[in-house]
Amino acid sequence: MPLRIVFMGTPDFAVPSLVEIAGQGHEIAAVYTQPPRAAGRGMSERKSPVHQTAEQLGLSVRTPASLKGAEAAAAFAALEADVGVVVAYGQILPVAILDAPQYGCLNLHASLLPRWRGAAPIARAIMAGDAETGVMVMQMYKGLDTGPVAMGERVAIGPDMTSAELSGRLSRLGADLLVRALAALSRGVLQTKPQADEGVTYAHKLDKGETRIDWSQPAAVVHNHIRGLSPDPGAWFEADLGKGAERVKVLRSTRAEGTGTPGAVLDADLAIACGDGAVRLVELQRAGGRPVKAAEFWRGLRAPLTTVA
């Protein structure tokens, strides 16, 4: 039996879920997403990926700046949804919103709950060196990602996998998981299980203040830091490229052999010494430039590369 759904999501991660749900024949009463934001060099307003996809699908789109207050709650309740589906929406939902649909709200979360509750589970899992993560569909309650879990899937995290790569895989897997959960809900057989009390960790929102690479850290930590922040906000270091210090973003790295003073360039293949071991820089981006492979970056240097502590 098709369900009447309110979909709530914003970034690219949520797009496959919206497309899959629409393709299953469910009635999407409205799509909620974050308002257009100024972006790009021209700082023109840009609609979110979910907003753009919803318009392509001919769906009604709502972009409230806030869901707090009686007016927002009444507008949501008037949709008379069977269930709300939330995928990286970007706002905390008030209880009045959570309780409005007949079956409440289901959330797709990109971690193996209760590990990495919060805003940045994909990046935090990689930065912590986790060997696996996953996606879970949970019933939303008041509290940060504390609701009981209905379904989940596990995914191995490859040794050089970046946040962008892991996000793409989890978004596709999560879309399939959501479709299955909604099918079970429509048949009245969706069951949930409370999260474990042990193993709770929080994936705090990424801060630009933590993006600079610290070469004094062990190579494993530096490598996980780089790939966990790739491509955005991006891990970076300062280097003297012949015209003074310049910020260089590292988009991809791998572990390397070698030792030396932390930050020292060990060879022309851009192996950089860390506090313990070394990492090899595979893809880089100078300020205002395009991403390039290490060999092209090296060829473009007009002076020996020297990192700045």
Protein backbone atom coordinates (compact mmCIF):
# COMPACT_ATOMS: atom_id res chain seq x y z
CA MET A 1 0.00 0.00 0.00
CA PRO A 2 1.52 3.36 -0.98
CA LEU A 3 2.24 5.76 1.87
CA ARG A 4 1.71 9.49 2.04
CA ILE A 5 5.16 10.86 2.87
CA VAL A 6 6.81 14.14 3.77
CA PHE A 7 10.47 13.93 2.73
CA MET A 8 13.02 16.10 4.53
CA GLY A 9 16.59 16.34 3.25
CA THR A 10 19.14 18.75 1.83
CA PRO A 11 22.54 17.55 0.47
CA ASP A 12 23.60 15.16 -2.29
CA PHE A 13 23.58 12.34 0.25
CA ALA A 14 19.77 12.55 0.46
CA VAL A 15 19.06 12.63 -3.30
CA PRO A 16 19.15 8.84 -3.98
CA SER A 17 16.65 8.29 -1.16
CA LEU A 18 14.22 10.84 -2.59
CA VAL A 19 14.51 9.38 -6.08
CA GLU A 20 14.05 5.79 -4.90
CA ILE A 21 11.04 6.62 -2.72
CA ALA A 22 9.37 8.52 -5.56
CA GLY A 23 10.06 5.61 -7.88
CA GLN A 24 8.24 3.19 -5.59
CA GLY A 25 4.94 4.95 -6.16
CA HIS A 26 4.57 6.51 -2.71
CA GLU A 27 2.75 9.83 -2.55
CA ILE A 28 5.19 12.56 -1.56
CA ALA A 29 3.00 15.30 -0.12
CA ALA A 30 5.89 17.77 0.17
CA VAL A 31 9.65 17.99 0.27
CA TYR A 32 11.25 20.06 3.01
CA THR A 33 14.81 21.27 2.43
CA GLN A 34 17.11 24.06 3.57
CA PRO A 35 16.58 27.48 1.94
CA PRO A 36 18.78 28.48 -1.02
CA ARG A 37 22.21 29.69 0.10
CA ALA A 38 24.70 32.09 -1.44
CA ALA A 39 27.51 30.03 -2.99
CA GLY A 40 30.24 30.15 -5.61
CA ARG A 41 32.45 33.02 -6.63
CA GLY A 42 29.48 35.15 -7.57
CA MET A 43 27.75 34.32 -4.25
CA SER A 44 24.47 33.80 -6.10
CA GLU A 45 21.71 31.89 -4.33
CA ARG A 46 21.85 28.17 -5.02
CA LYS A 47 19.12 25.64 -4.35
CA SER A 48 20.07 22.51 -2.44
CA PRO A 49 20.57 19.24 -4.35
CA VAL A 50 17.33 17.89 -2.88
CA HIS A 51 15.49 21.07 -3.88
CA GLN A 52 16.68 20.77 -7.47
CA THR A 53 15.81 17.07 -7.65
CA ALA A 54 12.37 17.60 -6.15
CA GLU A 55 11.56 20.24 -8.75
CA GLN A 56 12.70 17.88 -11.52
CA LEU A 57 10.31 15.29 -10.12
CA GLY A 58 7.47 17.81 -10.03
CA LEU A 59 7.17 17.74 -6.24
CA SER A 60 6.06 20.53 -3.92
CA VAL A 61 9.05 22.09 -2.12
CA ARG A 62 9.09 23.97 1.17
CA THR A 63 12.13 25.81 2.52
CA PRO A 64 11.31 27.19 5.98
CA ALA A 65 14.20 28.81 7.82
CA SER A 66 12.89 27.25 11.02
CA LEU A 67 10.37 24.61 12.09
CA LYS A 68 9.87 26.09 15.53
CA GLY A 69 6.54 27.61 16.46
CA ALA A 70 2.87 26.81 16.12
CA GLU A 71 2.56 28.08 12.55
CA ALA A 72 5.28 25.77 11.21
CA ALA A 73 3.83 22.83 13.13
CA ALA A 74 0.34 23.49 11.83
CA ALA A 75 1.56 23.74 8.23
CA PHE A 76 3.37 20.42 8.59
CA ALA A 77 0.42 18.69 10.28
CA ALA A 78 -1.95 19.91 7.54
CA LEU A 79 -0.10 17.65 5.08
CA GLU A 80 -1.66 14.66 6.89
CA ALA A 81 1.34 12.44 6.20
CA ASP A 82 1.50 8.79 7.12
CA VAL A 83 5.21 9.15 7.86
CA GLY A 84 8.02 11.66 7.69
CA VAL A 85 11.32 10.55 6.13
CA VAL A 86 14.40 12.50 7.19
CA VAL A 87 17.79 12.23 5.46
CA ALA A 88 20.42 14.82 6.42
CA TYR A 89 17.87 17.60 6.62
CA GLY A 90 20.01 19.99 8.65
CA GLN A 91 17.56 21.09 11.33
CA ILE A 92 16.54 19.67 14.69
CA LEU A 93 12.88 18.64 14.45
CA PRO A 94 10.60 19.84 17.28
CA VAL A 95 8.43 17.25 19.00
CA ALA A 96 5.33 18.71 17.32
CA ILE A 97 6.83 17.85 13.92
CA LEU A 98 8.02 14.39 14.99
CA ASP A 99 4.57 13.48 16.31
CA ALA A 100 2.49 14.89 13.45
CA PRO A 101 2.58 11.95 10.96
CA GLN A 102 0.53 8.87 11.81
CA TYR A 103 3.67 6.71 12.12
CA GLY A 104 6.03 9.46 13.24
CA CYS A 105 9.31 10.13 11.44
CA LEU A 106 11.99 7.75 10.18
CA ASN A 107 15.59 8.89 9.87
CA LEU A 108 18.38 7.48 7.72
CA HIS A 109 21.62 7.86 9.69
CA ALA A 110 25.08 7.12 8.30
CA SER A 111 26.68 5.18 11.12
CA LEU A 112 26.36 2.02 13.18
CA LEU A 113 24.38 3.52 16.05
CA PRO A 114 24.96 4.24 18.85
CA ARG A 115 28.45 4.96 17.51
CA TRP A 116 28.72 8.38 15.87
CA ARG A 117 25.45 10.02 16.72
CA GLY A 118 25.38 13.57 15.43
CA ALA A 119 26.20 15.80 12.50
CA ALA A 120 29.33 14.33 10.85
CA PRO A 121 29.28 10.53 11.25
CA ILE A 122 31.02 9.71 7.96
CA ALA A 123 33.99 12.00 8.46
CA ARG A 124 34.37 11.11 12.13
CA ALA A 125 34.37 7.37 11.41
CA ILE A 126 37.22 7.77 8.91
CA MET A 127 39.16 10.22 11.06
CA ALA A 128 38.96 7.77 13.97
CA GLY A 129 40.35 4.97 11.79
CA ASP A 130 37.21 2.83 11.96
CA ALA A 131 37.36 -0.30 9.82
CA GLU A 132 33.63 -0.30 9.14
CA THR A 133 30.53 1.83 9.36
CA GLY A 134 27.04 1.61 7.93
CA VAL A 135 23.59 3.08 7.54
CA MET A 136 20.58 2.63 9.78
CA VAL A 137 16.91 3.51 9.62
CA MET A 138 15.64 4.58 13.01
CA GLN A 139 12.45 5.91 14.54
CA MET A 140 13.00 9.51 15.55
CA TYR A 141 12.46 10.56 19.15
CA LYS A 142 13.37 13.70 21.02
CA GLY A 143 17.13 13.55 21.53
CA LEU A 144 20.13 13.36 19.21
CA ASP A 145 19.89 10.14 17.17
CA THR A 146 18.67 8.16 20.17
CA GLY A 147 15.64 6.41 18.67
CA PRO A 148 15.20 2.66 18.19
CA VAL A 149 16.66 1.12 15.03
CA ALA A 150 14.53 -0.66 12.44
CA MET A 151 17.09 -1.77 9.84
CA GLY A 152 20.81 -1.45 9.14
CA GLU A 153 23.59 -2.38 6.74
CA ARG A 154 27.35 -2.54 7.33
CA VAL A 155 30.07 -1.25 5.00
CA ALA A 156 33.84 -1.79 5.18
CA ILE A 157 35.96 1.37 5.09
CA GLY A 158 38.88 0.89 2.71
CA PRO A 159 42.35 2.03 3.83
CA ASP A 160 42.42 4.98 1.40
CA MET A 161 38.68 5.64 1.14
CA THR A 162 37.69 9.31 1.39
CA SER A 163 34.58 10.81 2.94
CA ALA A 164 33.20 11.56 -0.52
CA GLU A 165 33.62 7.95 -1.65
CA LEU A 166 32.12 6.53 1.53
CA SER A 167 29.25 9.01 1.44
CA GLY A 168 28.36 8.00 -2.11
CA ARG A 169 28.30 4.32 -1.22
CA LEU A 170 26.27 4.85 1.95
CA SER A 171 23.76 7.12 0.22
CA ARG A 172 22.96 4.47 -2.38
CA LEU A 173 22.79 1.70 0.20
CA GLY A 174 20.68 3.90 2.45
CA ALA A 175 18.18 4.62 -0.30
CA ASP A 176 17.57 0.91 -0.75
CA LEU A 177 17.31 0.44 3.01
CA LEU A 178 14.70 3.19 3.29
CA VAL A 179 12.59 1.70 0.52
CA ARG A 180 12.63 -1.63 2.32
CA ALA A 181 11.71 0.00 5.62
CA LEU A 182 8.80 1.86 4.04
CA ALA A 183 7.57 -1.33 2.39
CA ALA A 184 7.60 -3.05 5.79
CA LEU A 185 5.83 -0.07 7.37
CA SER A 186 3.11 -0.14 4.71
CA ARG A 187 2.49 -3.81 5.53
CA GLY A 188 2.42 -3.15 9.26
CA VAL A 189 5.45 -5.33 9.96
CA LEU A 190 8.23 -2.77 10.59
CA GLN A 191 9.88 -3.57 13.91
CA THR A 192 12.41 -1.55 15.90
CA LYS A 193 15.02 -2.39 18.51
CA PRO A 194 16.39 0.02 21.14
CA GLN A 195 19.97 1.15 20.70
CA ALA A 196 22.61 -0.29 23.02
CA ASP A 197 23.48 1.74 26.09
CA GLU A 198 27.18 1.10 25.57
CA GLY A 199 29.43 2.36 22.78
CA VAL A 200 27.87 5.80 22.40
CA THR A 201 30.09 8.34 20.60
CA TYR A 202 29.26 11.72 19.09
CA ALA A 203 30.16 12.95 15.62
CA HIS A 204 30.49 16.64 16.32
CA LYS A 205 30.10 19.05 13.43
CA LEU A 206 33.34 19.64 11.54
CA ASP A 207 35.09 22.88 12.41
CA LYS A 208 37.45 24.69 10.06
CA GLY A 209 39.78 25.15 13.02
CA GLU A 210 40.59 21.42 12.97
CA THR A 211 41.40 21.13 9.28
CA ARG A 212 45.10 22.01 9.32
CA ILE A 213 47.41 18.99 9.00
CA ASP A 214 49.69 18.38 11.98
CA TRP A 215 52.73 16.56 10.61
CA SER A 216 53.92 15.76 14.14
CA GLN A 217 51.08 13.24 14.45
CA PRO A 218 51.65 9.57 13.47
CA ALA A 219 51.22 8.83 9.76
CA ALA A 220 48.04 6.83 10.39
CA VAL A 221 46.44 9.82 12.11
CA VAL A 222 47.53 12.25 9.38
CA HIS A 223 46.26 9.95 6.62
CA ASN A 224 42.89 9.44 8.32
CA HIS A 225 42.62 13.19 8.89
CA ILE A 226 43.20 13.90 5.19
CA ARG A 227 40.75 11.36 3.81
CA GLY A 228 38.13 12.06 6.46
CA LEU A 229 37.99 15.72 5.43
CA SER A 230 38.11 15.14 1.66
CA PRO A 231 36.90 16.98 -0.29
CA ASP A 232 35.16 19.39 2.10
CA PRO A 233 36.14 21.22 4.16
CA GLY A 234 39.51 19.73 3.17
CA ALA A 235 42.69 19.11 5.14
CA TRP A 236 45.50 21.53 4.33
CA PHE A 237 49.06 22.57 5.05
CA GLU A 238 51.09 25.67 4.37
CA ALA A 239 54.03 25.43 2.00
CA ASP A 240 56.66 27.79 0.69
CA LEU A 241 56.27 27.45 -3.07
CA GLY A 242 58.76 30.18 -3.92
CA LYS A 243 56.57 33.21 -3.20
CA GLY A 244 56.04 32.81 0.52
CA ALA A 245 53.64 30.63 2.46
CA GLU A 246 50.66 29.32 0.53
CA ARG A 247 47.82 27.07 1.64
CA VAL A 248 47.59 23.71 -0.13
CA LYS A 249 44.60 21.41 0.28
CA VAL A 250 45.23 17.65 0.22
CA LEU A 251 42.38 15.68 -1.33
CA ARG A 252 43.91 12.22 -1.35
CA SER A 253 46.83 10.47 0.35
CA THR A 254 48.17 7.01 1.15
CA ARG A 255 50.62 5.56 3.63
CA ALA A 256 54.30 5.63 2.62
CA GLU A 257 57.71 4.38 3.73
CA GLY A 258 60.29 6.70 5.16
CA THR A 259 61.21 8.76 8.20
CA GLY A 260 62.42 12.27 8.81
CA THR A 261 61.67 15.54 10.51
CA PRO A 262 57.87 15.95 10.61
CA GLY A 263 56.80 17.94 7.55
CA ALA A 264 59.94 17.18 5.56
CA VAL A 265 59.48 16.27 1.89
CA LEU A 266 61.17 12.90 1.44
CA ASP A 267 61.04 12.47 -2.35
CA ALA A 268 59.64 13.78 -5.63
CA ASP A 269 56.59 11.54 -5.23
CA LEU A 270 55.58 13.78 -2.31
CA ALA A 271 56.13 11.47 0.60
CA ILE A 272 55.97 13.66 3.72
CA ALA A 273 57.51 12.65 7.02
CA CYS A 274 55.19 12.50 10.01
CA GLY A 275 55.80 12.05 13.72
CA ASP A 276 55.90 8.32 13.08
CA GLY A 277 56.22 7.10 9.48
CA ALA A 278 55.14 9.01 6.38
CA VAL A 279 52.22 9.70 4.07
CA ARG A 280 52.31 10.16 0.32
CA LEU A 281 50.23 13.02 -1.09
CA VAL A 282 48.28 11.76 -4.10
CA GLU A 283 46.00 14.65 -5.08
CA LEU A 284 46.36 18.30 -4.12
CA GLN A 285 44.78 21.67 -4.79
CA ARG A 286 46.45 25.05 -4.54
CA ALA A 287 44.38 28.06 -3.48
CA GLY A 288 42.22 29.09 -6.43
CA GLY A 289 43.44 26.17 -8.53
CA ARG A 290 42.00 22.87 -9.67
CA PRO A 291 42.71 19.49 -8.11
CA VAL A 292 45.82 17.88 -9.61
CA LYS A 293 47.75 14.65 -9.14
CA ALA A 294 51.02 14.78 -7.22
CA ALA A 295 53.18 14.48 -10.35
CA GLU A 296 51.53 17.49 -11.98
CA PHE A 297 51.77 19.47 -8.76
CA TRP A 298 55.49 18.68 -8.52
CA ARG A 299 56.14 19.68 -12.15
CA GLY A 300 54.45 23.03 -11.56
CA LEU A 301 56.71 24.03 -8.68
CA ARG A 302 59.18 26.84 -9.31
CA ALA A 303 61.08 26.20 -6.10
CA PRO A 304 61.68 23.22 -3.80
CA LEU A 305 58.61 22.34 -1.75
CA THR A 306 58.99 23.23 1.89
CA THR A 307 56.15 22.75 4.35
CA VAL A 308 55.61 25.47 6.95
CA ALA A 309 54.97 24.36 10.54
